[in-house]
Structure formats: C-alpha cells, structure tokens
C-alpha atoms as a PDB file:
ATOM      1  CA  MET A   1      61.958   1.939  -4.939  1.00  0.00           C
ATOM      2  CA  ASN A   2      65.806   1.629  -4.582  1.00  0.00           C
ATOM      3  CA  ALA A   3      65.782   3.936  -1.292  1.00  0.00           C
ATOM      4  CA  THR A   4      64.313   0.457   0.565  1.00  0.00           C
ATOM      5  CA  ARG A   5      68.043  -1.445  -0.062  1.00  0.00           C
ATOM      6  CA  LEU A   6      69.702   1.496   1.224  1.00  0.00           C
ATOM      7  CA  TYR A   7      67.637   1.677   4.532  1.00  0.00           C
ATOM      8  CA  MET A   8      68.405  -1.669   4.634  1.00  0.00           C
ATOM      9  CA  ILE A   9      72.222  -1.091   4.717  1.00  0.00           C
ATOM     10  CA  ILE A  10      72.119   2.546   6.619  1.00  0.00           C
ATOM     11  CA  GLY A  11      70.355  -0.095   9.219  1.00  0.00           C
ATOM     12  CA  ALA A  12      72.877  -2.977   9.170  1.00  0.00           C
ATOM     13  CA  VAL A  13      75.035   0.189   9.822  1.00  0.00           C
ATOM     14  CA  LEU A  14      73.475   1.114  12.545  1.00  0.00           C
ATOM     15  CA  VAL A  15      73.128  -2.826  13.964  1.00  0.00           C
ATOM     16  CA  ALA A  16      76.624  -2.608  13.344  1.00  0.00           C
ATOM     17  CA  ILE A  17      77.249  -0.050  15.927  1.00  0.00           C
ATOM     18  CA  LEU A  18      74.266  -0.526  18.188  1.00  0.00           C
ATOM     19  CA  VAL A  19      76.015  -3.978  18.770  1.00  0.00           C
ATOM     20  CA  VAL A  20      79.286  -3.137  19.070  1.00  0.00           C
ATOM     21  CA  VAL A  21      78.768  -0.314  21.961  1.00  0.00           C
ATOM     22  CA  ILE A  22      76.307  -2.331  23.985  1.00  0.00           C
ATOM     23  CA  LEU A  23      79.419  -5.309  23.643  1.00  0.00           C
ATOM     24  CA  LEU A  24      81.566  -3.043  25.171  1.00  0.00           C
ATOM     25  CA  PRO A  25      82.583  -3.229  28.575  1.00  0.00           C
ATOM     26  CA  SER A  26      81.909   0.300  30.479  1.00  0.00           C
ATOM     27  CA  ASP A  27      84.728   1.944  33.142  1.00  0.00           C
ATOM     28  CA  ASP A  28      83.106   1.321  36.279  1.00  0.00           C
ATOM     29  CA  THR A  29      81.616  -2.478  35.866  1.00  0.00           C
ATOM     30  CA  ALA A  30      83.470  -4.702  38.134  1.00  0.00           C
ATOM     31  CA  PRO A  31      84.530  -7.167  34.944  1.00  0.00           C
ATOM     32  CA  THR A  32      83.775 -11.107  35.097  1.00  0.00           C
ATOM     33  CA  GLN A  33      85.728 -14.151  36.044  1.00  0.00           C
ATOM     34  CA  GLU A  34      85.841 -15.392  32.498  1.00  0.00           C
ATOM     35  CA  ALA A  35      86.866 -11.175  31.420  1.00  0.00           C
ATOM     36  CA  ALA A  36      89.892 -11.348  33.827  1.00  0.00           C
ATOM     37  CA  GLN A  37      90.973 -14.765  32.905  1.00  0.00           C
ATOM     38  CA  GLY A  38      91.109 -13.251  29.238  1.00  0.00           C
ATOM     39  CA  GLN A  39      87.756 -15.235  27.853  1.00  0.00           C
ATOM     40  CA  MET A  40      84.282 -14.164  27.033  1.00  0.00           C
ATOM     41  CA  PRO A  41      81.355 -16.327  28.405  1.00  0.00           C
ATOM     42  CA  PRO A  42      79.847 -18.607  25.535  1.00  0.00           C
ATOM     43  CA  GLY A  43      78.953 -17.775  22.797  1.00  0.00           C
ATOM     44  CA  HIS A  44      79.975 -14.011  23.733  1.00  0.00           C
ATOM     45  CA  PRO A  45      81.599 -12.164  20.551  1.00  0.00           C
ATOM     46  CA  ASP A  46      84.317 -10.872  21.057  1.00  0.00           C
ATOM     47  CA  VAL A  47      84.480  -7.484  20.868  1.00  0.00           C
ATOM     48  CA  ASN A  48      88.489  -7.052  20.457  1.00  0.00           C
ATOM     49  CA  ASP A  49      87.770  -9.179  17.249  1.00  0.00           C
ATOM     50  CA  PRO A  50      88.871  -7.100  14.038  1.00  0.00           C
ATOM     51  CA  ASN A  51      86.513  -8.959  11.514  1.00  0.00           C
ATOM     52  CA  ALA A  52      83.015  -8.448  14.178  1.00  0.00           C
ATOM     53  CA  PRO A  53      80.745  -5.751  12.012  1.00  0.00           C
ATOM     54  CA  SER A  54      81.781  -1.847  12.855  1.00  0.00           C
ATOM     55  CA  LYS A  55      80.550   0.992  10.886  1.00  0.00           C
ATOM     56  CA  ASP A  56      84.086   0.513   8.523  1.00  0.00           C
ATOM     57  CA  ASN A  57      84.482  -2.529   7.979  1.00  0.00           C
ATOM     58  CA  VAL A  58      80.752  -2.329   6.508  1.00  0.00           C
ATOM     59  CA  ILE A  59      81.105   0.319   4.798  1.00  0.00           C
ATOM     60  CA  GLY A  60      84.671  -0.590   3.621  1.00  0.00           C
ATOM     61  CA  SER A  61      83.283  -3.747   2.727  1.00  0.00           C
ATOM     62  CA  PHE A  62      80.640  -2.392   0.697  1.00  0.00           C
ATOM     63  CA  MET A  63      83.151   0.283  -1.238  1.00  0.00           C
ATOM     64  CA  GLU A  64      85.520  -3.149  -2.091  1.00  0.00           C
ATOM     65  CA  GLU A  65      83.126  -4.210  -3.809  1.00  0.00           C
ATOM     66  CA  PHE A  66      81.612  -1.097  -5.499  1.00  0.00           C
ATOM     67  CA  GLU A  67      84.977  -0.818  -6.602  1.00  0.00           C
ATOM     68  CA  ARG A  68      85.328  -4.376  -8.077  1.00  0.00           C
ATOM     69  CA  LEU A  69      82.122  -4.618  -9.368  1.00  0.00           C
ATOM     70  CA  GLY A  70      82.870  -1.541 -11.094  1.00  0.00           C
ATOM     71  CA  THR A  71      86.120  -2.918 -12.469  1.00  0.00           C
ATOM     72  CA  LYS A  72      84.927  -6.080 -14.111  1.00  0.00           C
ATOM     73  CA  ILE A  73      82.283  -4.104 -15.068  1.00  0.00           C
ATOM     74  CA  GLU A  74      84.584  -1.302 -17.395  1.00  0.00           C
ATOM     75  CA  ALA A  75      86.981  -4.789 -18.918  1.00  0.00           C
ATOM     76  CA  GLN A  76      82.987  -7.053 -19.507  1.00  0.00           C
ATOM     77  CA  PRO A  77      81.699  -6.841 -23.839  1.00  0.00           C
ATOM     78  CA  ALA A  78      78.308  -5.878 -23.436  1.00  0.00           C
ATOM     79  CA  SER A  79      76.658  -9.061 -24.151  1.00  0.00           C
ATOM     80  CA  ASP A  80      77.642 -10.132 -20.223  1.00  0.00           C
ATOM     81  CA  THR A  81      75.534  -8.500 -18.310  1.00  0.00           C
ATOM     82  CA  SER A  82      76.629 -11.649 -15.139  1.00  0.00           C
ATOM     83  CA  ASP A  83      77.594  -8.749 -12.358  1.00  0.00           C
ATOM     84  CA  LEU A  84      75.969  -5.736 -14.370  1.00  0.00           C
ATOM     85  CA  LEU A  85      72.826  -5.595 -12.077  1.00  0.00           C
ATOM     86  CA  ALA A  86      74.484  -6.210  -9.396  1.00  0.00           C
ATOM     87  CA  TYR A  87      76.609  -3.143 -10.136  1.00  0.00           C
ATOM     88  CA  ALA A  88      73.591  -0.725 -11.139  1.00  0.00           C
ATOM     89  CA  ARG A  89      71.979  -1.611  -7.949  1.00  0.00           C
ATOM     90  CA  MET A  90      75.118  -0.620  -5.665  1.00  0.00           C
ATOM     91  CA  CYS A  91      75.383   2.737  -8.292  1.00  0.00           C
ATOM     92  CA  ILE A  92      71.297   4.157  -7.446  1.00  0.00           C
ATOM     93  CA  ASP A  93      72.216   3.138  -3.141  1.00  0.00           C
ATOM     94  CA  ALA A  94      75.310   5.533  -3.700  1.00  0.00           C
ATOM     95  CA  HIS A  95      73.735   7.778  -4.895  1.00  0.00           C
ATOM     96  CA  GLN A  96      74.778   7.893  -8.854  1.00  0.00           C
ATOM     97  CA  ALA A  97      71.684   7.238 -10.815  1.00  0.00           C
ATOM     98  CA  ALA A  98      73.727   8.699 -14.065  1.00  0.00           C
ATOM     99  CA  THR A  99      75.693   5.501 -13.601  1.00  0.00           C
ATOM    100  CA  ALA A 100      72.934   2.980 -13.626  1.00  0.00           C
ATOM    101  CA  LEU A 101      71.340   4.279 -15.784  1.00  0.00           C
ATOM    102  CA  PRO A 102      72.084   2.796 -19.288  1.00  0.00           C
ATOM    103  CA  LEU A 103      73.627  -0.253 -16.937  1.00  0.00           C
ATOM    104  CA  LEU A 104      69.869  -0.732 -16.097  1.00  0.00           C
ATOM    105  CA  GLU A 105      68.684  -0.039 -19.836  1.00  0.00           C
ATOM    106  CA  ARG A 106      71.047  -2.982 -21.327  1.00  0.00           C
ATOM    107  CA  TYR A 107      70.141  -5.411 -18.499  1.00  0.00           C
ATOM    108  CA  SER A 108      66.332  -4.593 -19.312  1.00  0.00           C
ATOM    109  CA  LYS A 109      67.664  -5.355 -22.993  1.00  0.00           C
ATOM    110  CA  ALA A 110      68.575  -8.473 -22.222  1.00  0.00           C
ATOM    111  CA  ALA A 111      65.896  -8.837 -20.121  1.00  0.00           C
ATOM    112  CA  PRO A 112      62.800  -6.696 -21.244  1.00  0.00           C
ATOM    113  CA  ARG A 113      59.939  -8.176 -18.838  1.00  0.00           C
ATOM    114  CA  ASN A 114      61.836  -8.409 -16.054  1.00  0.00           C
ATOM    115  CA  VAL A 115      60.044  -5.836 -13.709  1.00  0.00           C
ATOM    116  CA  GLU A 116      62.830  -5.379 -11.168  1.00  0.00           C
ATOM    117  CA  VAL A 117      65.160  -4.726 -13.418  1.00  0.00           C
ATOM    118  CA  LEU A 118      62.040  -2.118 -15.230  1.00  0.00           C
ATOM    119  CA  LEU A 119      61.350  -0.829 -11.406  1.00  0.00           C
ATOM    120  CA  ASP A 120      65.314   0.119 -10.532  1.00  0.00           C
ATOM    121  CA  LEU A 121      65.249   1.441 -14.638  1.00  0.00           C
ATOM    122  CA  SER A 122      62.249   3.897 -13.456  1.00  0.00           C
ATOM    123  CA  VAL A 123      63.963   4.699 -10.531  1.00  0.00           C
ATOM    124  CA  ALA A 124      67.287   5.587 -12.367  1.00  0.00           C
ATOM    125  CA  GLN A 125      65.375   7.719 -15.032  1.00  0.00           C
ATOM    126  CA  PHE A 126      63.792   9.893 -12.383  1.00  0.00           C
ATOM    127  CA  GLU A 127      67.327   9.994 -10.242  1.00  0.00           C
ATOM    128  CA  THR A 128      68.460  11.676 -13.699  1.00  0.00           C
ATOM    129  CA  GLY A 129      64.830  14.010 -14.366  1.00  0.00           C
ATOM    130  CA  LYS A 130      63.549  11.882 -17.089  1.00  0.00           C
ATOM    131  CA  ALA A 131      60.307  11.283 -15.413  1.00  0.00           C
ATOM    132  CA  ASP A 132      58.311  11.299 -18.285  1.00  0.00           C
ATOM    133  CA  ALA A 133      60.565   8.003 -19.841  1.00  0.00           C
ATOM    134  CA  ALA A 134      60.016   7.308 -15.474  1.00  0.00           C
ATOM    135  CA  GLU A 135      56.789   7.049 -15.946  1.00  0.00           C
ATOM    136  CA  ALA A 136      56.431   5.142 -19.493  1.00  0.00           C
ATOM    137  CA  THR A 137      59.258   2.568 -18.129  1.00  0.00           C
ATOM    138  CA  THR A 138      56.469   2.080 -14.672  1.00  0.00           C
ATOM    139  CA  ARG A 139      53.354   1.872 -17.206  1.00  0.00           C
ATOM    140  CA  LYS A 140      55.246  -0.798 -18.932  1.00  0.00           C
ATOM    141  CA  VAL A 141      55.741  -2.996 -15.558  1.00  0.00           C
ATOM    142  CA  LEU A 142      51.620  -2.703 -15.234  1.00  0.00           C
ATOM    143  CA  GLN A 143      51.654  -4.367 -18.525  1.00  0.00           C
ATOM    144  CA  ILE A 144      53.325  -7.423 -17.577  1.00  0.00           C
ATOM    145  CA  ASP A 145      52.479  -7.747 -14.203  1.00  0.00           C
ATOM    146  CA  PRO A 146      49.660  -5.279 -13.547  1.00  0.00           C
ATOM    147  CA  ASN A 147      48.998  -5.962  -9.971  1.00  0.00           C
ATOM    148  CA  ASN A 148      52.547  -5.267  -9.655  1.00  0.00           C
ATOM    149  CA  THR A 149      51.827  -2.522  -5.818  1.00  0.00           C
ATOM    150  CA  ARG A 150      55.112  -1.319  -6.190  1.00  0.00           C
ATOM    151  CA  ALA A 151      54.576   0.265  -9.845  1.00  0.00           C
ATOM    152  CA  LYS A 152      51.056   1.487  -8.881  1.00  0.00           C
ATOM    153  CA  TYR A 153      52.823   2.915  -5.876  1.00  0.00           C
ATOM    154  CA  ASN A 154      55.367   4.841  -8.345  1.00  0.00           C
ATOM    155  CA  LEU A 155      53.208   6.316 -10.168  1.00  0.00           C
ATOM    156  CA  GLY A 156      51.460   8.217  -7.453  1.00  0.00           C
ATOM    157  CA  ALA A 157      54.669   9.230  -5.605  1.00  0.00           C
ATOM    158  CA  LEU A 158      55.666  10.600 -10.133  1.00  0.00           C
ATOM    159  CA  ALA A 159      52.686  12.315  -9.972  1.00  0.00           C
ATOM    160  CA  ALA A 160      52.922  14.126  -6.617  1.00  0.00           C
ATOM    161  CA  SER A 161      56.349  15.056  -7.146  1.00  0.00           C
ATOM    162  CA  LEU A 162      55.701  16.295 -10.737  1.00  0.00           C
ATOM    163  CA  GLU A 163      53.215  18.554  -8.127  1.00  0.00           C
ATOM    164  CA  LYS A 164      49.721  16.919  -9.997  1.00  0.00           C
ATOM    165  CA  ASN A 165      48.321  16.131  -6.443  1.00  0.00           C
ATOM    166  CA  ASP A 166      45.215  14.624  -7.962  1.00  0.00           C
ATOM    167  CA  GLU A 167      46.846  12.064 -10.345  1.00  0.00           C
ATOM    168  CA  ALA A 168      49.125  11.317  -7.196  1.00  0.00           C
ATOM    169  CA  ARG A 169      45.545  11.193  -4.941  1.00  0.00           C
ATOM    170  CA  ARG A 170      43.866   8.845  -7.940  1.00  0.00           C
ATOM    171  CA  HIS A 171      46.624   6.236  -8.236  1.00  0.00           C
ATOM    172  CA  TRP A 172      47.453   5.946  -4.238  1.00  0.00           C
ATOM    173  CA  GLU A 173      43.422   5.293  -3.493  1.00  0.00           C
ATOM    174  CA  GLN A 174      42.916   3.144  -6.148  1.00  0.00           C
ATOM    175  CA  LEU A 175      46.150   0.933  -4.675  1.00  0.00           C
ATOM    176  CA  ILE A 176      44.667   1.507  -1.280  1.00  0.00           C
ATOM    177  CA  LYS A 177      41.338   0.535  -2.640  1.00  0.00           C
ATOM    178  CA  ASP A 178      43.009  -2.670  -4.711  1.00  0.00           C
ATOM    179  CA  HIS A 179      45.310  -3.841  -2.567  1.00  0.00           C
ATOM    180  CA  PRO A 180      44.452  -2.603   1.559  1.00  0.00           C
ATOM    181  CA  ASP A 181      46.865  -4.248   3.103  1.00  0.00           C
ATOM    182  CA  SER A 182      49.905  -4.248   1.106  1.00  0.00           C
ATOM    183  CA  PRO A 183      52.919  -2.549   2.579  1.00  0.00           C
ATOM    184  CA  ASP A 184      52.592   0.306  -0.814  1.00  0.00           C
ATOM    185  CA  ALA A 185      49.151   1.012   0.390  1.00  0.00           C
ATOM    186  CA  GLU A 186      50.473   1.189   3.747  1.00  0.00           C
ATOM    187  CA  ARG A 187      53.071   3.813   2.188  1.00  0.00           C
ATOM    188  CA  ALA A 188      50.227   5.662   0.283  1.00  0.00           C
ATOM    189  CA  LYS A 189      48.210   6.606   2.841  1.00  0.00           C
ATOM    190  CA  GLN A 190      50.912   8.029   4.714  1.00  0.00           C
ATOM    191  CA  PHE A 191      51.441   9.865   2.438  1.00  0.00           C
ATOM    192  CA  LEU A 192      47.881  10.673   1.181  1.00  0.00           C
ATOM    193  CA  GLN A 193      47.834  12.454   4.416  1.00  0.00           C
ATOM    194  CA  ASN A 194      50.722  15.313   3.719  1.00  0.00           C
ATOM    195  CA  LEU A 195      49.215  15.176   0.147  1.00  0.00           C
END
C-alpha cells in the first residue's frame, strides 16, 4: 500500500533530524582546531548550511512540490497525464484519498493495465469508503499479474478490514504458501498472529 511511501517520507525526515542532532556540537566539548578556525574537517557537512536536510526544509520541499503539481494539474486538459500520477500519489501520502481518487481513475483510463496505478487506485477507493470497488480493482490486478503479492496481500487486508477474518486468513495463508519469501508474505504472517 502507499503507506510505505508515507513511512519512507517520515523516515527521511527522521533521518535528517537525527543527522542534524548528531552533527550539532554539544556545549561541553572543546572545539577542534578546524572548528576553532571556522573550518569543518574534510568531508564533514556544514551544519550551519541552510540547505542541509532538516525537518523544516524536507517538509517544505514536499509541500512546495505538492502545491506546484496541484496547480499544474488544475490547468492541464483532461487528456494530459504527465504529472497526474505523481500528484495523485502525493495526495494519498498526504491522506487526501478523495482528491487522489478521480486523478487515479483518469490515469487508469489512459493506462488500464498498469498494475501499480491500479494498486494505488484500490488504496484510494478503500480509503474513501469504496471497499467493493477496491476489491474489484485488486482482482483486476490479479487478472493482469496473477503473482502480484501486493494485490494478494491487499485482498486479505480488505477482508480483515471488513471483519471477514476467515476470508482474510485464507488469502494470507495462500500468499504465504505461494510466495513464502516475499515481503508481503512476511507482513501477512505478522497480521495472521493478531487475527
């Protein structure tokens, strides 16, 4: 699901914050000779650089791109899908599935066999309360790519979200049996323990 993309963004922000915190000198340490002379050791990032990764500029960059693409998409004719997918995925990452849904529907009409787009569409459908449509779209992915482990996992997740635990268990157990080494099978194993 696209929650992975959100976790990647959050992870990047946390790593950037960690890097900044680690690189900031503490008050009780003596400055090195290079720092005393106003120079950083070779290869050491300048923590005073306003372009160094930080929480504010990483989030700011995301929001700038989000707003830029949104404005561009609004001005595009319906036939232009050049930035549509990037913006739709950013909408999902920003928990704006209702905005992403019509964009993904439009894109999937232009690329009806693109399984990644269909998987994103199923996420937007689910997050907007259209579980039946999400299931139908996920099954369409499996018609195109019968071994798509993400789609197989998502069928189990859809069933579990609707409290159809026996159905969820069947989907996930089949996924584990057919694709035991896949990351989606690992996720299914974790969720089966709590089902």
